[in-house]
Protein backbone atom coordinates (compact mmCIF):
# COMPACT_ATOMS: atom_id res chain seq x y z
CA MET A 1 92.94 226.40 287.62
CA ALA A 2 92.21 228.16 284.32
CA GLU A 3 94.11 231.35 283.63
CA GLN A 4 92.51 234.16 281.67
CA LYS A 5 94.56 235.70 278.89
CA VAL A 6 95.07 239.42 279.33
CA THR A 7 94.13 241.29 276.15
CA ARG A 8 95.97 244.50 275.30
CA THR A 9 93.89 247.63 274.85
CA LEU A 10 94.96 250.92 273.30
CA THR A 11 93.32 254.33 273.12
CA GLY A 12 93.86 256.61 270.17
CA LYS A 13 92.40 258.93 267.57
CA VAL A 14 90.87 257.82 264.26
CA VAL A 15 92.87 259.27 261.36
CA SER A 16 91.25 257.35 258.49
CA ASP A 17 87.90 255.63 257.89
CA LYS A 18 88.04 255.28 254.10
CA MET A 19 88.28 251.48 254.09
CA ASP A 20 85.24 249.25 254.47
CA LYS A 21 84.93 247.94 258.06
CA THR A 22 88.45 249.18 258.88
CA ILE A 23 89.74 252.25 260.69
CA THR A 24 93.27 253.55 261.16
CA VAL A 25 93.98 254.61 264.76
CA LEU A 26 96.90 256.84 265.76
CA VAL A 27 98.16 255.82 269.22
CA GLU A 28 100.46 258.29 271.00
CA ARG A 29 102.50 257.66 274.13
CA ARG A 30 105.00 259.75 276.07
CA GLU A 31 108.23 258.18 277.21
CA LYS A 32 111.38 259.48 278.80
CA HIS A 33 114.51 259.72 276.65
CA PRO A 34 117.14 257.37 278.10
CA VAL A 35 120.06 259.84 277.89
CA TYR A 36 118.60 263.34 278.03
CA GLY A 37 115.64 262.72 280.33
CA LYS A 38 113.29 264.78 278.17
CA TYR A 39 109.82 263.37 277.53
CA VAL A 40 109.30 262.51 273.86
CA THR A 41 106.00 261.73 272.13
CA ARG A 42 106.12 258.46 270.20
CA SER A 43 103.28 257.34 267.96
CA SER A 44 102.18 254.33 265.97
CA LYS A 45 99.26 253.58 263.66
CA VAL A 46 97.19 250.41 263.90
CA HIS A 47 94.41 249.11 261.68
CA ALA A 48 91.30 248.06 263.62
CA HIS A 49 88.13 246.18 262.64
CA ASP A 50 84.99 248.35 262.77
CA GLU A 51 82.10 246.00 261.95
CA ASN A 52 79.36 248.65 261.65
CA ASN A 53 81.43 251.48 260.13
CA ALA A 54 80.47 253.58 263.16
CA CYS A 55 83.67 255.62 263.53
CA LYS A 56 84.46 258.91 261.85
CA ILE A 57 87.73 260.82 261.51
CA GLY A 58 88.64 262.56 264.77
CA ASP A 59 86.85 260.15 267.12
CA THR A 60 88.72 258.93 270.19
CA VAL A 61 88.38 255.14 270.39
CA THR A 62 89.51 252.14 272.41
CA VAL A 63 90.70 249.05 270.53
CA LYS A 64 91.71 245.59 271.73
CA GLU A 65 94.06 242.99 270.34
CA THR A 66 92.31 240.07 268.59
CA ARG A 67 92.94 237.35 266.08
CA PRO A 68 94.31 238.49 262.71
CA TYR A 69 91.54 239.68 260.38
CA SER A 70 94.00 240.29 257.53
CA LYS A 71 97.71 240.82 256.89
CA SER A 72 97.79 244.17 258.70
CA LYS A 73 94.65 244.12 260.87
CA CYS A 74 94.75 242.40 264.29
CA TRP A 75 92.85 244.94 266.45
CA ALA A 76 89.10 245.35 266.99
CA LEU A 77 87.00 248.32 268.06
CA VAL A 78 85.80 248.12 271.67
CA SER A 79 84.15 251.51 272.18
CA ILE A 80 83.95 255.05 270.90
CA ASP A 81 85.08 257.21 273.83
CA SER A 82 84.29 260.62 272.32
CA ASN A 83 82.97 261.80 269.00
CA ALA A 84 84.73 264.32 266.77
CA VAL A 85 83.75 267.95 267.12
CA GLU A 86 81.79 268.99 264.04
CA ALA A 87 82.63 272.42 262.70
């Protein structure tokens, strides 16, 4: 019986696309404070591999965990959920 490995996926907003084939994604989550009970927004930035340089700043994207591409990049672009609104 072969078990499939569950890959983690995250959804966030692209905050930088200046690097070649790499995007920086800001992932926000809301969690309850253990003492006060108030909901607090926590965030983290991840570097993701974007093979075709398709993403722009402001896009909402889904990324998945993969093998390490470099020292800081171990996520890959799965899909662009919504494009940035152009002003």
